[in-house]
N, C-alpha and C. Protein backbone atom coordinates (compact mmCIF):
# COMPACT_ATOMS: atom_id res chain seq x y z
N MET A 1 128.15 107.81 123.16
CA MET A 1 128.41 106.36 123.19
C MET A 1 129.36 105.96 122.06
N SER A 2 129.16 106.57 120.87
CA SER A 2 130.02 106.22 119.75
C SER A 2 131.46 106.66 120.02
N GLY A 3 131.62 107.81 120.69
CA GLY A 3 132.97 108.26 121.01
C GLY A 3 133.67 107.29 121.93
N ARG A 4 132.93 106.74 122.93
CA ARG A 4 133.52 105.77 123.84
C ARG A 4 133.89 104.50 123.08
N HIS A 5 133.02 104.09 122.14
CA HIS A 5 133.30 102.88 121.36
C HIS A 5 134.56 103.07 120.52
N GLN A 6 134.74 104.28 119.96
CA GLN A 6 135.91 104.55 119.14
C GLN A 6 137.19 104.54 119.97
N LEU A 7 137.07 104.93 121.25
CA LEU A 7 138.24 104.96 122.11
C LEU A 7 138.63 103.57 122.61
N GLY A 8 137.74 102.59 122.42
CA GLY A 8 138.01 101.25 122.93
C GLY A 8 139.35 100.69 122.52
N PRO A 9 139.66 100.64 121.22
CA PRO A 9 140.98 100.09 120.80
C PRO A 9 142.15 100.87 121.38
N ALA A 10 142.03 102.20 121.46
CA ALA A 10 143.12 103.01 122.00
C ALA A 10 143.34 102.65 123.47
N ILE A 11 142.27 102.48 124.23
CA ILE A 11 142.40 102.12 125.65
C ILE A 11 143.04 100.75 125.80
N ARG A 12 142.61 99.81 124.94
CA ARG A 12 143.18 98.47 125.02
C ARG A 12 144.67 98.48 124.72
N TRP A 13 145.06 99.26 123.72
CA TRP A 13 146.48 99.31 123.39
C TRP A 13 147.29 100.06 124.44
N ARG A 14 146.68 101.06 125.08
CA ARG A 14 147.37 101.73 126.20
C ARG A 14 147.59 100.74 127.35
N THR A 15 146.57 99.92 127.64
CA THR A 15 146.70 98.92 128.69
C THR A 15 147.78 97.91 128.33
N THR A 16 147.79 97.51 127.06
CA THR A 16 148.81 96.56 126.58
C THR A 16 150.20 97.16 126.71
N LEU A 17 150.34 98.44 126.37
CA LEU A 17 151.62 99.11 126.50
C LEU A 17 152.10 99.11 127.95
N LEU A 18 151.20 99.44 128.87
CA LEU A 18 151.58 99.49 130.28
C LEU A 18 151.96 98.10 130.79
N ALA A 19 151.22 97.07 130.33
CA ALA A 19 151.52 95.70 130.76
C ALA A 19 152.87 95.25 130.23
N SER A 20 153.12 95.50 128.93
CA SER A 20 154.40 95.11 128.34
C SER A 20 155.57 95.86 129.00
N GLY A 21 155.36 97.16 129.20
CA GLY A 21 156.40 97.94 129.86
C GLY A 21 156.67 97.47 131.27
N GLY A 22 155.60 97.09 131.98
CA GLY A 22 155.77 96.59 133.34
C GLY A 22 156.54 95.29 133.38
N VAL A 23 156.23 94.39 132.46
CA VAL A 23 156.95 93.11 132.38
C VAL A 23 158.43 93.36 132.07
N PHE A 24 158.67 94.23 131.11
CA PHE A 24 160.06 94.51 130.72
C PHE A 24 160.83 95.12 131.88
N LEU A 25 160.23 96.08 132.54
CA LEU A 25 160.91 96.75 133.67
C LEU A 25 161.17 95.77 134.81
N ALA A 26 160.18 94.91 135.11
CA ALA A 26 160.37 93.93 136.18
C ALA A 26 161.52 92.97 135.85
N LEU A 27 161.54 92.48 134.61
CA LEU A 27 162.63 91.58 134.21
C LEU A 27 163.99 92.29 134.30
N ALA A 28 164.03 93.55 133.83
CA ALA A 28 165.28 94.30 133.84
C ALA A 28 165.80 94.47 135.27
N LEU A 29 164.91 94.80 136.19
CA LEU A 29 165.33 95.02 137.58
C LEU A 29 165.83 93.72 138.22
N VAL A 30 165.12 92.63 137.94
CA VAL A 30 165.52 91.35 138.54
C VAL A 30 166.91 90.93 138.04
N VAL A 31 167.10 90.98 136.71
CA VAL A 31 168.40 90.50 136.19
C VAL A 31 169.53 91.47 136.52
N LYS A 32 169.21 92.73 136.74
CA LYS A 32 170.27 93.68 137.11
C LYS A 32 170.74 93.44 138.55
N PHE A 33 169.80 93.23 139.44
CA PHE A 33 170.17 93.18 140.87
C PHE A 33 170.33 91.76 141.41
N TRP A 34 169.74 90.75 140.72
CA TRP A 34 169.85 89.38 141.20
C TRP A 34 170.59 88.46 140.22
N GLY A 35 170.86 88.94 139.03
CA GLY A 35 171.62 88.13 138.08
C GLY A 35 170.80 87.18 137.27
N VAL A 36 170.29 86.14 137.89
CA VAL A 36 169.46 85.17 137.18
C VAL A 36 168.23 84.84 137.99
N PHE A 37 167.16 84.46 137.30
CA PHE A 37 165.94 84.02 137.97
C PHE A 37 166.18 82.64 138.59
N PRO A 38 165.43 82.32 139.63
CA PRO A 38 165.52 80.95 140.17
C PRO A 38 165.17 79.93 139.07
N GLY A 39 166.06 79.01 138.86
CA GLY A 39 165.83 77.97 137.86
C GLY A 39 166.23 78.35 136.45
N GLU A 40 166.60 79.62 136.23
CA GLU A 40 166.93 80.05 134.87
C GLU A 40 168.19 79.37 134.36
N ALA A 41 169.20 79.27 135.20
CA ALA A 41 170.45 78.63 134.77
C ALA A 41 170.22 77.15 134.46
N GLN A 42 169.37 76.50 135.26
CA GLN A 42 169.06 75.09 135.00
C GLN A 42 168.31 74.92 133.69
N LEU A 43 167.36 75.82 133.43
CA LEU A 43 166.60 75.75 132.17
C LEU A 43 167.53 75.98 130.98
N TYR A 44 168.44 76.94 131.11
CA TYR A 44 169.39 77.20 130.05
C TYR A 44 170.25 75.98 129.76
N ARG A 45 170.77 75.38 130.83
CA ARG A 45 171.63 74.19 130.64
C ARG A 45 170.85 73.01 130.06
N LEU A 46 169.59 72.88 130.47
CA LEU A 46 168.75 71.82 129.92
C LEU A 46 168.55 72.00 128.42
N MET A 47 168.20 73.22 128.00
CA MET A 47 167.97 73.49 126.59
C MET A 47 169.27 73.38 125.79
N ALA A 48 170.35 73.86 126.38
CA ALA A 48 171.64 73.78 125.69
C ALA A 48 172.05 72.31 125.51
N GLY A 49 171.67 71.47 126.47
CA GLY A 49 171.98 70.06 126.38
C GLY A 49 171.22 69.36 125.25
N TRP A 50 170.06 69.89 124.88
CA TRP A 50 169.28 69.33 123.77
C TRP A 50 169.84 69.74 122.41
N ALA A 51 170.74 70.70 122.41
CA ALA A 51 171.19 71.30 121.14
C ALA A 51 172.23 70.42 120.46
N SER A 52 171.75 69.39 119.81
CA SER A 52 172.64 68.55 119.00
C SER A 52 173.07 69.35 117.77
N PRO A 53 174.09 68.91 117.05
CA PRO A 53 174.51 69.65 115.85
C PRO A 53 173.36 69.88 114.85
N GLY A 54 172.48 68.89 114.69
CA GLY A 54 171.35 69.06 113.78
C GLY A 54 170.38 70.11 114.27
N VAL A 55 170.11 70.13 115.58
CA VAL A 55 169.21 71.12 116.16
C VAL A 55 169.81 72.51 116.02
N VAL A 56 171.10 72.63 116.31
CA VAL A 56 171.77 73.93 116.19
C VAL A 56 171.71 74.44 114.74
N ALA A 57 171.93 73.55 113.79
CA ALA A 57 171.88 73.95 112.38
C ALA A 57 170.49 74.43 112.00
N ALA A 58 169.44 73.72 112.47
CA ALA A 58 168.07 74.11 112.16
C ALA A 58 167.74 75.46 112.78
N PHE A 59 168.14 75.64 114.04
CA PHE A 59 167.80 76.90 114.72
C PHE A 59 168.68 78.05 114.27
N TRP A 60 169.81 77.76 113.62
CA TRP A 60 170.57 78.85 113.03
C TRP A 60 169.72 79.54 111.95
N TRP A 61 168.98 78.74 111.17
CA TRP A 61 168.10 79.33 110.16
C TRP A 61 166.92 80.05 110.79
N VAL A 62 166.36 79.47 111.86
CA VAL A 62 165.26 80.13 112.58
C VAL A 62 165.74 81.48 113.12
N ASN A 63 166.96 81.49 113.59
CA ASN A 63 167.57 82.71 114.15
C ASN A 63 167.55 83.87 113.16
N GLN A 64 167.58 83.58 111.87
CA GLN A 64 167.59 84.65 110.86
C GLN A 64 166.30 85.44 110.85
N LEU A 65 165.23 84.88 111.45
CA LEU A 65 163.95 85.62 111.55
C LEU A 65 164.06 86.82 112.48
N GLY A 66 165.15 86.89 113.24
CA GLY A 66 165.39 88.06 114.08
C GLY A 66 166.54 88.92 113.58
N ASN A 67 167.06 88.59 112.39
CA ASN A 67 168.19 89.31 111.81
C ASN A 67 167.69 90.57 111.13
N LYS A 68 168.27 91.72 111.49
CA LYS A 68 167.79 92.99 110.92
C LYS A 68 167.99 93.05 109.42
N TRP A 69 168.97 92.32 108.88
CA TRP A 69 169.21 92.35 107.43
C TRP A 69 168.17 91.51 106.69
N VAL A 70 167.48 90.65 107.41
CA VAL A 70 166.36 89.90 106.82
C VAL A 70 165.06 90.68 107.04
N LEU A 71 164.87 91.19 108.26
CA LEU A 71 163.64 91.85 108.61
C LEU A 71 163.47 93.21 107.92
N GLY A 72 164.58 93.93 107.73
CA GLY A 72 164.50 95.26 107.10
C GLY A 72 163.86 95.23 105.73
N PRO A 73 164.39 94.46 104.78
CA PRO A 73 163.75 94.38 103.46
C PRO A 73 162.33 93.84 103.53
N ALA A 74 162.06 92.90 104.45
CA ALA A 74 160.71 92.35 104.58
C ALA A 74 159.72 93.43 105.00
N VAL A 75 160.15 94.30 105.91
CA VAL A 75 159.26 95.39 106.36
C VAL A 75 159.00 96.37 105.23
N LEU A 76 160.04 96.72 104.48
CA LEU A 76 159.84 97.65 103.35
C LEU A 76 158.86 97.07 102.34
N LEU A 77 158.97 95.79 102.07
CA LEU A 77 158.04 95.13 101.15
C LEU A 77 156.63 95.16 101.71
N PHE A 78 156.50 94.91 103.00
CA PHE A 78 155.19 94.91 103.65
C PHE A 78 154.56 96.30 103.59
N LEU A 79 155.34 97.33 103.89
CA LEU A 79 154.82 98.71 103.85
C LEU A 79 154.37 99.09 102.43
N TRP A 80 155.07 98.58 101.44
CA TRP A 80 154.70 98.87 100.06
C TRP A 80 153.42 98.13 99.67
N ALA A 81 153.24 96.92 100.20
CA ALA A 81 152.12 96.07 99.76
C ALA A 81 150.81 96.39 100.47
N VAL A 82 150.86 96.96 101.67
CA VAL A 82 149.64 97.17 102.46
C VAL A 82 149.31 98.66 102.49
N PRO A 83 148.21 99.08 101.85
CA PRO A 83 147.87 100.50 101.80
C PRO A 83 147.74 101.14 103.19
N LEU A 84 147.15 100.43 104.15
CA LEU A 84 147.03 100.96 105.50
C LEU A 84 148.38 101.28 106.10
N ALA A 85 149.36 100.43 105.81
CA ALA A 85 150.71 100.66 106.34
C ALA A 85 151.36 101.88 105.68
N ARG A 86 151.07 102.10 104.40
CA ARG A 86 151.68 103.25 103.69
C ARG A 86 151.17 104.57 104.21
N ARG A 87 149.94 104.59 104.74
CA ARG A 87 149.34 105.86 105.14
C ARG A 87 150.14 106.55 106.26
N ARG A 88 150.63 105.78 107.18
CA ARG A 88 151.45 106.34 108.26
C ARG A 88 152.76 105.55 108.35
N TRP A 89 153.41 105.44 107.21
CA TRP A 89 154.61 104.63 107.13
C TRP A 89 155.68 105.07 108.12
N TRP A 90 155.77 106.39 108.36
CA TRP A 90 156.78 106.92 109.27
C TRP A 90 156.58 106.40 110.70
N LEU A 91 155.32 106.17 111.09
CA LEU A 91 155.03 105.67 112.43
C LEU A 91 155.54 104.24 112.57
N TRP A 92 155.29 103.41 111.56
CA TRP A 92 155.67 102.00 111.62
C TRP A 92 157.19 101.84 111.47
N VAL A 93 157.80 102.68 110.64
CA VAL A 93 159.26 102.67 110.57
C VAL A 93 159.85 103.12 111.89
N GLY A 94 159.15 104.07 112.53
CA GLY A 94 159.60 104.54 113.84
C GLY A 94 159.66 103.44 114.88
N VAL A 95 158.71 102.51 114.82
CA VAL A 95 158.75 101.35 115.73
C VAL A 95 160.05 100.59 115.56
N LEU A 96 160.43 100.39 114.31
CA LEU A 96 161.61 99.57 114.01
C LEU A 96 162.91 100.30 114.28
N VAL A 97 162.86 101.62 114.37
CA VAL A 97 164.03 102.40 114.75
C VAL A 97 164.10 102.54 116.27
N PHE A 98 162.96 102.78 116.88
CA PHE A 98 162.90 103.02 118.32
C PHE A 98 163.26 101.77 119.13
N ALA A 99 162.76 100.59 118.69
CA ALA A 99 162.98 99.36 119.45
C ALA A 99 164.47 99.04 119.64
N PRO A 100 165.29 99.05 118.58
CA PRO A 100 166.71 98.74 118.82
C PRO A 100 167.46 99.83 119.61
N ILE A 101 166.98 101.06 119.54
CA ILE A 101 167.61 102.12 120.35
C ILE A 101 167.39 101.82 121.83
N VAL A 102 166.13 101.51 122.20
CA VAL A 102 165.82 101.18 123.59
C VAL A 102 166.56 99.92 124.01
N GLU A 103 166.62 98.94 123.10
CA GLU A 103 167.31 97.69 123.40
C GLU A 103 168.79 97.93 123.71
N GLY A 104 169.46 98.77 122.90
CA GLY A 104 170.86 99.07 123.13
C GLY A 104 171.08 99.82 124.44
N LEU A 105 170.21 100.78 124.74
CA LEU A 105 170.32 101.51 126.01
C LEU A 105 170.12 100.58 127.20
N ALA A 106 169.11 99.69 127.07
CA ALA A 106 168.83 98.77 128.17
C ALA A 106 170.00 97.84 128.43
N LYS A 107 170.65 97.39 127.36
CA LYS A 107 171.80 96.49 127.54
C LYS A 107 172.85 97.15 128.42
N HIS A 108 173.11 98.43 128.19
CA HIS A 108 174.16 99.13 128.95
C HIS A 108 173.68 99.48 130.37
N LEU A 109 172.40 99.79 130.53
CA LEU A 109 171.90 100.13 131.85
C LEU A 109 171.80 98.89 132.74
N VAL A 110 171.37 97.78 132.17
CA VAL A 110 171.24 96.55 132.95
C VAL A 110 172.60 95.90 133.17
N GLY A 111 173.39 95.82 132.08
CA GLY A 111 174.76 95.29 132.21
C GLY A 111 174.86 93.81 132.45
N ARG A 112 173.90 93.05 132.00
CA ARG A 112 173.94 91.60 132.21
C ARG A 112 174.69 90.91 131.10
N LEU A 113 175.66 90.06 131.45
CA LEU A 113 176.44 89.36 130.46
C LEU A 113 175.68 88.17 129.90
N ARG A 114 176.01 87.78 128.68
CA ARG A 114 175.44 86.59 128.06
C ARG A 114 175.98 85.33 128.76
N PRO A 115 175.36 84.19 128.50
CA PRO A 115 175.85 82.95 129.13
C PRO A 115 177.30 82.64 128.78
N GLU A 116 177.71 82.99 127.55
CA GLU A 116 179.08 82.74 127.13
C GLU A 116 179.63 84.02 126.51
N GLY A 117 180.85 84.35 126.82
CA GLY A 117 181.47 85.55 126.28
C GLY A 117 181.25 86.74 127.18
N GLU A 118 181.73 87.89 126.73
CA GLU A 118 181.68 89.12 127.51
C GLU A 118 180.68 90.15 127.00
N ALA A 119 179.91 89.80 125.97
CA ALA A 119 178.93 90.74 125.41
C ALA A 119 177.73 90.88 126.34
N LEU A 120 177.07 92.03 126.29
CA LEU A 120 175.87 92.27 127.10
C LEU A 120 174.68 91.55 126.46
N GLY A 121 173.78 91.06 127.32
CA GLY A 121 172.73 90.19 126.78
C GLY A 121 171.30 90.60 126.99
N PHE A 122 170.98 91.44 127.98
CA PHE A 122 169.56 91.76 128.25
C PHE A 122 169.21 93.14 127.72
N PRO A 123 168.18 93.22 126.86
CA PRO A 123 167.36 92.16 126.28
C PRO A 123 167.97 91.64 124.97
N SER A 124 167.46 90.52 124.47
CA SER A 124 167.92 89.98 123.19
C SER A 124 167.52 90.89 122.04
N GLY A 125 168.48 91.32 121.25
CA GLY A 125 168.20 92.16 120.10
C GLY A 125 167.41 91.43 119.03
N HIS A 126 167.76 90.16 118.80
CA HIS A 126 167.04 89.38 117.78
C HIS A 126 165.57 89.23 118.15
N VAL A 127 165.30 88.92 119.42
CA VAL A 127 163.91 88.72 119.83
C VAL A 127 163.16 90.05 119.84
N THR A 128 163.83 91.13 120.25
CA THR A 128 163.21 92.45 120.20
C THR A 128 162.77 92.79 118.78
N ALA A 129 163.67 92.59 117.83
CA ALA A 129 163.35 92.89 116.42
C ALA A 129 162.23 92.00 115.92
N ALA A 130 162.30 90.71 116.22
CA ALA A 130 161.26 89.79 115.76
C ALA A 130 159.90 90.16 116.34
N ALA A 131 159.86 90.48 117.64
CA ALA A 131 158.59 90.84 118.28
C ALA A 131 158.01 92.10 117.69
N ALA A 132 158.87 93.10 117.46
CA ALA A 132 158.38 94.36 116.87
C ALA A 132 157.84 94.16 115.46
N VAL A 133 158.58 93.43 114.64
CA VAL A 133 158.20 93.26 113.23
C VAL A 133 156.97 92.36 113.09
N PHE A 134 156.97 91.22 113.75
CA PHE A 134 155.86 90.28 113.56
C PHE A 134 154.58 90.75 114.21
N SER A 135 154.69 91.46 115.33
CA SER A 135 153.46 92.02 115.93
C SER A 135 152.96 93.18 115.08
N LEU A 136 153.86 93.94 114.48
CA LEU A 136 153.45 94.99 113.56
C LEU A 136 152.71 94.41 112.35
N ALA A 137 153.25 93.33 111.79
CA ALA A 137 152.60 92.68 110.65
C ALA A 137 151.23 92.13 111.04
N ALA A 138 151.13 91.54 112.23
CA ALA A 138 149.84 91.00 112.68
C ALA A 138 148.83 92.12 112.90
N TYR A 139 149.28 93.23 113.48
CA TYR A 139 148.36 94.34 113.75
C TYR A 139 147.85 94.96 112.47
N LEU A 140 148.76 95.35 111.58
CA LEU A 140 148.35 96.00 110.34
C LEU A 140 147.65 95.02 109.39
N GLY A 141 148.14 93.79 109.32
CA GLY A 141 147.50 92.81 108.46
C GLY A 141 146.08 92.51 108.92
N GLY A 142 145.90 92.41 110.23
CA GLY A 142 144.56 92.17 110.77
C GLY A 142 143.61 93.32 110.51
N LYS A 143 144.10 94.56 110.67
CA LYS A 143 143.24 95.71 110.39
C LYS A 143 142.90 95.81 108.90
N ALA A 144 143.84 95.43 108.05
CA ALA A 144 143.61 95.52 106.61
C ALA A 144 142.56 94.51 106.14
N THR A 145 142.53 93.32 106.76
CA THR A 145 141.59 92.29 106.31
C THR A 145 140.20 92.48 106.90
N GLY A 146 140.14 92.93 108.15
CA GLY A 146 138.84 93.10 108.80
C GLY A 146 138.20 91.80 109.27
N SER A 147 138.85 90.67 109.06
CA SER A 147 138.31 89.37 109.45
C SER A 147 138.87 88.97 110.82
N ARG A 148 137.97 88.63 111.75
CA ARG A 148 138.42 88.23 113.08
C ARG A 148 139.25 86.95 113.02
N GLN A 149 138.84 86.00 112.20
CA GLN A 149 139.57 84.74 112.09
C GLN A 149 141.00 84.97 111.58
N ILE A 150 141.12 85.85 110.58
CA ILE A 150 142.45 86.13 110.04
C ILE A 150 143.30 86.87 111.08
N ARG A 151 142.68 87.79 111.81
CA ARG A 151 143.43 88.50 112.86
C ARG A 151 143.98 87.53 113.89
N VAL A 152 143.13 86.61 114.35
CA VAL A 152 143.58 85.63 115.33
C VAL A 152 144.72 84.78 114.77
N ALA A 153 144.57 84.34 113.51
CA ALA A 153 145.61 83.52 112.88
C ALA A 153 146.91 84.29 112.76
N LEU A 154 146.85 85.57 112.42
CA LEU A 154 148.05 86.38 112.28
C LEU A 154 148.76 86.56 113.62
N TRP A 155 147.98 86.79 114.68
CA TRP A 155 148.59 86.97 115.99
C TRP A 155 149.21 85.68 116.51
N LEU A 156 148.53 84.57 116.24
CA LEU A 156 149.09 83.27 116.66
C LEU A 156 150.39 82.98 115.90
N ALA A 157 150.39 83.29 114.61
CA ALA A 157 151.61 83.09 113.82
C ALA A 157 152.74 83.98 114.31
N ALA A 158 152.42 85.24 114.62
CA ALA A 158 153.45 86.17 115.13
C ALA A 158 154.02 85.66 116.43
N ALA A 159 153.15 85.21 117.35
CA ALA A 159 153.62 84.71 118.64
C ALA A 159 154.51 83.48 118.46
N ALA A 160 154.13 82.60 117.54
CA ALA A 160 154.92 81.38 117.30
C ALA A 160 156.29 81.72 116.76
N LEU A 161 156.36 82.68 115.84
CA LEU A 161 157.65 83.06 115.26
C LEU A 161 158.56 83.70 116.29
N VAL A 162 158.00 84.57 117.13
CA VAL A 162 158.81 85.20 118.18
C VAL A 162 159.31 84.15 119.16
N LEU A 163 158.45 83.20 119.52
CA LEU A 163 158.86 82.12 120.42
C LEU A 163 160.00 81.31 119.82
N LEU A 164 159.90 81.00 118.53
CA LEU A 164 160.96 80.23 117.88
C LEU A 164 162.29 80.99 117.88
N VAL A 165 162.23 82.29 117.62
CA VAL A 165 163.47 83.08 117.63
C VAL A 165 164.07 83.07 119.05
N GLY A 166 163.21 83.20 120.07
CA GLY A 166 163.70 83.17 121.45
C GLY A 166 164.36 81.84 121.78
N ILE A 167 163.73 80.74 121.36
CA ILE A 167 164.32 79.41 121.59
C ILE A 167 165.65 79.28 120.83
N ALA A 168 165.67 79.81 119.62
CA ALA A 168 166.90 79.73 118.82
C ALA A 168 168.06 80.44 119.53
N ARG A 169 167.79 81.59 120.13
CA ARG A 169 168.85 82.34 120.81
C ARG A 169 169.41 81.55 121.99
N ILE A 170 168.54 80.78 122.65
CA ILE A 170 169.01 79.96 123.78
C ILE A 170 169.77 78.74 123.28
N PHE A 171 169.23 78.06 122.25
CA PHE A 171 169.92 76.90 121.69
C PHE A 171 171.28 77.26 121.13
N LEU A 172 171.40 78.47 120.60
CA LEU A 172 172.68 78.91 120.07
C LEU A 172 173.61 79.47 121.14
N ARG A 173 173.20 79.35 122.40
CA ARG A 173 173.99 79.77 123.56
C ARG A 173 174.31 81.27 123.54
N ALA A 174 173.39 82.04 122.95
CA ALA A 174 173.60 83.49 122.84
C ALA A 174 172.93 84.27 123.97
N HIS A 175 171.90 83.68 124.60
CA HIS A 175 171.14 84.43 125.61
C HIS A 175 170.57 83.50 126.68
N TRP A 176 170.36 84.10 127.86
CA TRP A 176 169.58 83.47 128.91
C TRP A 176 168.10 83.55 128.54
N PRO A 177 167.25 82.68 129.12
CA PRO A 177 165.81 82.75 128.83
C PRO A 177 165.19 84.13 129.13
N ALA A 178 165.60 84.76 130.22
CA ALA A 178 165.02 86.07 130.55
C ALA A 178 165.41 87.13 129.53
N ASP A 179 166.57 86.98 128.88
CA ASP A 179 166.94 87.91 127.81
C ASP A 179 165.92 87.85 126.67
N ALA A 180 165.52 86.61 126.33
CA ALA A 180 164.53 86.43 125.27
C ALA A 180 163.17 86.99 125.69
N LEU A 181 162.75 86.74 126.94
CA LEU A 181 161.48 87.27 127.42
C LEU A 181 161.49 88.80 127.42
N GLY A 182 162.61 89.38 127.85
CA GLY A 182 162.72 90.82 127.86
C GLY A 182 162.63 91.41 126.46
N GLY A 183 163.28 90.74 125.48
CA GLY A 183 163.20 91.21 124.10
C GLY A 183 161.79 91.15 123.56
N ALA A 184 161.06 90.08 123.89
CA ALA A 184 159.67 89.96 123.43
C ALA A 184 158.80 91.07 124.02
N ALA A 185 158.96 91.32 125.32
CA ALA A 185 158.18 92.37 125.97
C ALA A 185 158.51 93.74 125.38
N LEU A 186 159.78 93.99 125.13
CA LEU A 186 160.19 95.29 124.58
C LEU A 186 159.68 95.48 123.16
N GLY A 187 159.87 94.50 122.30
CA GLY A 187 159.42 94.62 120.91
C GLY A 187 157.91 94.81 120.83
N PHE A 188 157.16 94.01 121.59
CA PHE A 188 155.71 94.13 121.57
C PHE A 188 155.27 95.45 122.18
N GLY A 189 155.96 95.91 123.21
CA GLY A 189 155.64 97.19 123.82
C GLY A 189 155.82 98.36 122.85
N CYS A 190 156.87 98.29 122.03
CA CYS A 190 157.10 99.36 121.04
C CYS A 190 155.96 99.39 120.02
N LEU A 191 155.50 98.22 119.58
CA LEU A 191 154.35 98.17 118.69
C LEU A 191 153.11 98.69 119.37
N ALA A 192 152.91 98.33 120.64
CA ALA A 192 151.75 98.80 121.39
C ALA A 192 151.71 100.32 121.50
N LEU A 193 152.87 100.92 121.69
CA LEU A 193 152.97 102.38 121.75
C LEU A 193 152.49 103.01 120.44
N ALA A 194 152.98 102.48 119.31
CA ALA A 194 152.57 103.01 118.01
C ALA A 194 151.10 102.74 117.73
N ALA A 195 150.61 101.55 118.10
CA ALA A 195 149.20 101.22 117.87
C ALA A 195 148.30 102.10 118.70
N TRP A 196 148.69 102.40 119.93
CA TRP A 196 147.92 103.30 120.78
C TRP A 196 147.81 104.69 120.14
N TRP A 197 148.94 105.21 119.67
CA TRP A 197 148.95 106.52 119.01
C TRP A 197 148.07 106.49 117.75
N HIS A 198 148.20 105.44 116.97
CA HIS A 198 147.44 105.31 115.72
C HIS A 198 145.94 105.24 116.00
N GLU A 199 145.54 104.46 117.00
CA GLU A 199 144.11 104.30 117.29
C GLU A 199 143.51 105.60 117.83
N ARG A 200 144.27 106.35 118.59
CA ARG A 200 143.77 107.63 119.12
C ARG A 200 143.49 108.64 118.01
N ARG A 201 144.16 108.50 116.88
CA ARG A 201 144.04 109.48 115.81
C ARG A 201 143.35 108.93 114.57
N SER A 202 142.80 107.75 114.69
CA SER A 202 142.12 107.16 113.51
C SER A 202 140.68 107.67 113.47
């Protein structure tokens, strides 16, 4: 019975990985073969219409939460500060290396253009990075504290930050909404893969 109890977190993270991967794959197939979701162009235009100069300026700063030059030093500081993170630091750094590699490959395989310009857009790199980093912080921070209330608060904060980065990418006219959703699914899926491996060997 104790062995089954110990496998519980690993099974949950495996299920989470499969769900995230399924969402990402479904989004990738739709945008590759159909271009845009029904209503996606209208939603993009609606949000872009709300982007007054003040809103754009504010979300330019929010956008930095998905900037690798901001997230990289923050992750190194986090790994140094949290003993649990230091124990398998290579695994958590691997998440942050693996996620952008998959993101870059997916951009070329899907080949979907951004709303403006000729650059490839699916999935959003900023949202992928934000989802990977903030979900990693919520996972390790929650395990380090052992408090259910703190774990819930950390995951809610991580979700809110990823959502804000996704909205920022749309307000800045850099991505379609599905690009942001795909980045969130990919980043979270990369963390789920590492968490599954970690829980199986803890």
